[in-house]
C-alpha atoms as a PDB file:
ATOM      1  CA  UNK A   1     126.737  91.467  76.366  1.00  0.00           C
ATOM      2  CA  UNK A   2     126.403  95.018  75.035  1.00  0.00           C
ATOM      3  CA  UNK A   3     124.049  97.619  76.716  1.00  0.00           C
ATOM      4  CA  UNK A   4     124.221 100.691  74.708  1.00  0.00           C
ATOM      5  CA  UNK A   5     122.915 103.746  76.369  1.00  0.00           C
ATOM      6  CA  UNK A   6     123.215 107.557  76.064  1.00  0.00           C
ATOM      7  CA  UNK A   7     124.322 109.117  79.015  1.00  0.00           C
ATOM      8  CA  UNK A   8     122.173 112.248  79.090  1.00  0.00           C
ATOM      9  CA  UNK A   9     118.932 109.381  79.026  1.00  0.00           C
ATOM     10  CA  UNK A  10     119.685 106.768  81.533  1.00  0.00           C
ATOM     11  CA  UNK A  11     116.879 104.427  81.498  1.00  0.00           C
ATOM     12  CA  UNK A  12     115.497 102.081  84.231  1.00  0.00           C
ATOM     13  CA  UNK A  13     114.906  99.307  81.878  1.00  0.00           C
ATOM     14  CA  UNK A  14     118.907  99.249  81.126  1.00  0.00           C
ATOM     15  CA  UNK A  15     119.899  99.253  84.441  1.00  0.00           C
ATOM     16  CA  UNK A  16     117.711  96.436  85.606  1.00  0.00           C
ATOM     17  CA  UNK A  17     118.777  94.282  82.516  1.00  0.00           C
ATOM     18  CA  UNK A  18     122.398  95.217  83.944  1.00  0.00           C
ATOM     19  CA  UNK A  19     121.739  94.421  87.589  1.00  0.00           C
ATOM     20  CA  UNK A  20     119.960  91.007  86.194  1.00  0.00           C
ATOM     21  CA  UNK A  21     123.129  89.880  84.369  1.00  0.00           C
ATOM     22  CA  UNK A  22     125.069  89.934  87.486  1.00  0.00           C
ATOM     23  CA  UNK A  23     123.643  86.897  89.190  1.00  0.00           C
ATOM     24  CA  UNK A  24     122.803  85.051  86.411  1.00  0.00           C
ATOM     25  CA  UNK A  25     126.570  84.679  85.964  1.00  0.00           C
ATOM     26  CA  UNK A  26     127.875  84.385  89.738  1.00  0.00           C
ATOM     27  CA  UNK A  27     131.108  82.591  88.527  1.00  0.00           C
ATOM     28  CA  UNK A  28     132.372  84.903  85.895  1.00  0.00           C
ATOM     29  CA  UNK A  29     133.781  88.258  85.516  1.00  0.00           C
ATOM     30  CA  UNK A  30     131.878  91.065  84.158  1.00  0.00           C
ATOM     31  CA  UNK A  31     133.869  93.650  82.516  1.00  0.00           C
ATOM     32  CA  UNK A  32     131.957  96.996  82.573  1.00  0.00           C
ATOM     33  CA  UNK A  33     133.032  99.929  80.490  1.00  0.00           C
ATOM     34  CA  UNK A  34     132.034 102.744  78.339  1.00  0.00           C
ATOM     35  CA  UNK A  35     134.173 105.048  75.874  1.00  0.00           C
ATOM     36  CA  UNK A  36     135.490 107.270  78.703  1.00  0.00           C
ATOM     37  CA  UNK A  37     135.068 104.950  81.555  1.00  0.00           C
ATOM     38  CA  UNK A  38     133.918 107.454  83.899  1.00  0.00           C
ATOM     39  CA  UNK A  39     130.205 108.043  83.465  1.00  0.00           C
ATOM     40  CA  UNK A  40     128.398 105.367  82.166  1.00  0.00           C
ATOM     41  CA  UNK A  41     130.488 102.744  83.782  1.00  0.00           C
ATOM     42  CA  UNK A  42     130.421 105.040  87.037  1.00  0.00           C
ATOM     43  CA  UNK A  43     126.620 104.854  87.127  1.00  0.00           C
ATOM     44  CA  UNK A  44     126.460 101.191  86.434  1.00  0.00           C
ATOM     45  CA  UNK A  45     128.655 100.611  89.266  1.00  0.00           C
ATOM     46  CA  UNK A  46     126.571 102.857  91.311  1.00  0.00           C
ATOM     47  CA  UNK A  47     123.512 101.156  90.489  1.00  0.00           C
ATOM     48  CA  UNK A  48     124.970  97.926  92.019  1.00  0.00           C
ATOM     49  CA  UNK A  49     126.242  99.260  94.977  1.00  0.00           C
ATOM     50  CA  UNK A  50     122.912 100.992  95.902  1.00  0.00           C
ATOM     51  CA  UNK A  51     120.633  98.208  94.911  1.00  0.00           C
ATOM     52  CA  UNK A  52     122.871  95.167  96.068  1.00  0.00           C
ATOM     53  CA  UNK A  53     125.169  96.551  98.349  1.00  0.00           C
ATOM     54  CA  UNK A  54     122.697  99.053 100.212  1.00  0.00           C
ATOM     55  CA  UNK A  55     124.623 102.025  99.562  1.00  0.00           C
ATOM     56  CA  UNK A  56     123.297 105.567  99.845  1.00  0.00           C
ATOM     57  CA  UNK A  57     123.249 107.689  96.811  1.00  0.00           C
ATOM     58  CA  UNK A  58     125.647 110.196  98.313  1.00  0.00           C
ATOM     59  CA  UNK A  59     128.289 107.564  99.124  1.00  0.00           C
ATOM     60  CA  UNK A  60     128.126 105.934  95.466  1.00  0.00           C
ATOM     61  CA  UNK A  61     128.412 109.486  94.132  1.00  0.00           C
ATOM     62  CA  UNK A  62     131.473 110.079  96.297  1.00  0.00           C
ATOM     63  CA  UNK A  63     133.103 106.741  94.616  1.00  0.00           C
ATOM     64  CA  UNK A  64     132.051 107.731  91.122  1.00  0.00           C
ATOM     65  CA  UNK A  65     133.577 111.055  91.733  1.00  0.00           C
ATOM     66  CA  UNK A  66     136.850 109.326  92.948  1.00  0.00           C
ATOM     67  CA  UNK A  67     137.010 107.520  89.945  1.00  0.00           C
ATOM     68  CA  UNK A  68     136.911 110.508  87.421  1.00  0.00           C
ATOM     69  CA  UNK A  69     133.142 111.614  87.694  1.00  0.00           C
ATOM     70  CA  UNK A  70     133.546 115.404  87.889  1.00  0.00           C
ATOM     71  CA  UNK A  71     132.015 118.663  87.270  1.00  0.00           C
ATOM     72  CA  UNK A  72     132.238 118.510  83.840  1.00  0.00           C
ATOM     73  CA  UNK A  73     130.484 115.273  83.813  1.00  0.00           C
ATOM     74  CA  UNK A  74     127.762 116.381  86.324  1.00  0.00           C
ATOM     75  CA  UNK A  75     127.150 119.877  84.933  1.00  0.00           C
ATOM     76  CA  UNK A  76     128.166 119.545  81.072  1.00  0.00           C
ATOM     77  CA  UNK A  77     128.179 116.277  79.626  1.00  0.00           C
ATOM     78  CA  UNK A  78     125.687 114.282  81.206  1.00  0.00           C
ATOM     79  CA  UNK A  79     123.421 116.416  83.508  1.00  0.00           C
ATOM     80  CA  UNK A  80     120.818 113.684  83.355  1.00  0.00           C
ATOM     81  CA  UNK A  81     122.923 110.920  84.734  1.00  0.00           C
ATOM     82  CA  UNK A  82     123.817 112.991  87.865  1.00  0.00           C
ATOM     83  CA  UNK A  83     120.218 113.476  88.505  1.00  0.00           C
ATOM     84  CA  UNK A  84     119.468 109.752  87.828  1.00  0.00           C
ATOM     85  CA  UNK A  85     122.217 108.886  90.121  1.00  0.00           C
ATOM     86  CA  UNK A  86     120.525 110.774  93.193  1.00  0.00           C
ATOM     87  CA  UNK A  87     116.982 109.592  92.402  1.00  0.00           C
ATOM     88  CA  UNK A  88     118.165 105.904  91.524  1.00  0.00           C
ATOM     89  CA  UNK A  89     117.256 104.361  94.968  1.00  0.00           C
ATOM     90  CA  UNK A  90     113.643 105.694  94.814  1.00  0.00           C
ATOM     91  CA  UNK A  91     113.792 104.393  91.068  1.00  0.00           C
ATOM     92  CA  UNK A  92     114.804 101.000  92.535  1.00  0.00           C
ATOM     93  CA  UNK A  93     111.760 100.665  94.806  1.00  0.00           C
ATOM     94  CA  UNK A  94     109.234 101.877  92.549  1.00  0.00           C
ATOM     95  CA  UNK A  95     109.907 101.630  89.110  1.00  0.00           C
ATOM     96  CA  UNK A  96     108.395  98.038  87.658  1.00  0.00           C
ATOM     97  CA  UNK A  97     111.602  97.406  85.502  1.00  0.00           C
ATOM     98  CA  UNK A  98     113.265  96.578  88.999  1.00  0.00           C
ATOM     99  CA  UNK A  99     110.338  94.251  90.282  1.00  0.00           C
ATOM    100  CA  UNK A 100     112.125  91.002  89.944  1.00  0.00           C
ATOM    101  CA  UNK A 101     115.305  92.754  91.668  1.00  0.00           C
ATOM    102  CA  UNK A 102     113.759  93.974  94.845  1.00  0.00           C
END
């Protein structure tokens, strides 16, 4: 299942769709990737870590950085993604897109 989105413009609806997909397929392996594998992929995994495993935004950010999300991504390529990652826990707890996941 493809979930296309622009890294500079993350949308709660796409993340809610991704987070809904995982529990619906508990016995399946889910392959998460994007063109480069270090910005949109990292953010999808970070959203899972924060919403399902209780990770803080800071801990998720450190894991993103460990796997290649760098200064270039944060400040040049996908500045909207970095701020979305920081605010994701708030989005998850307040945005209607995540209602069924809370």
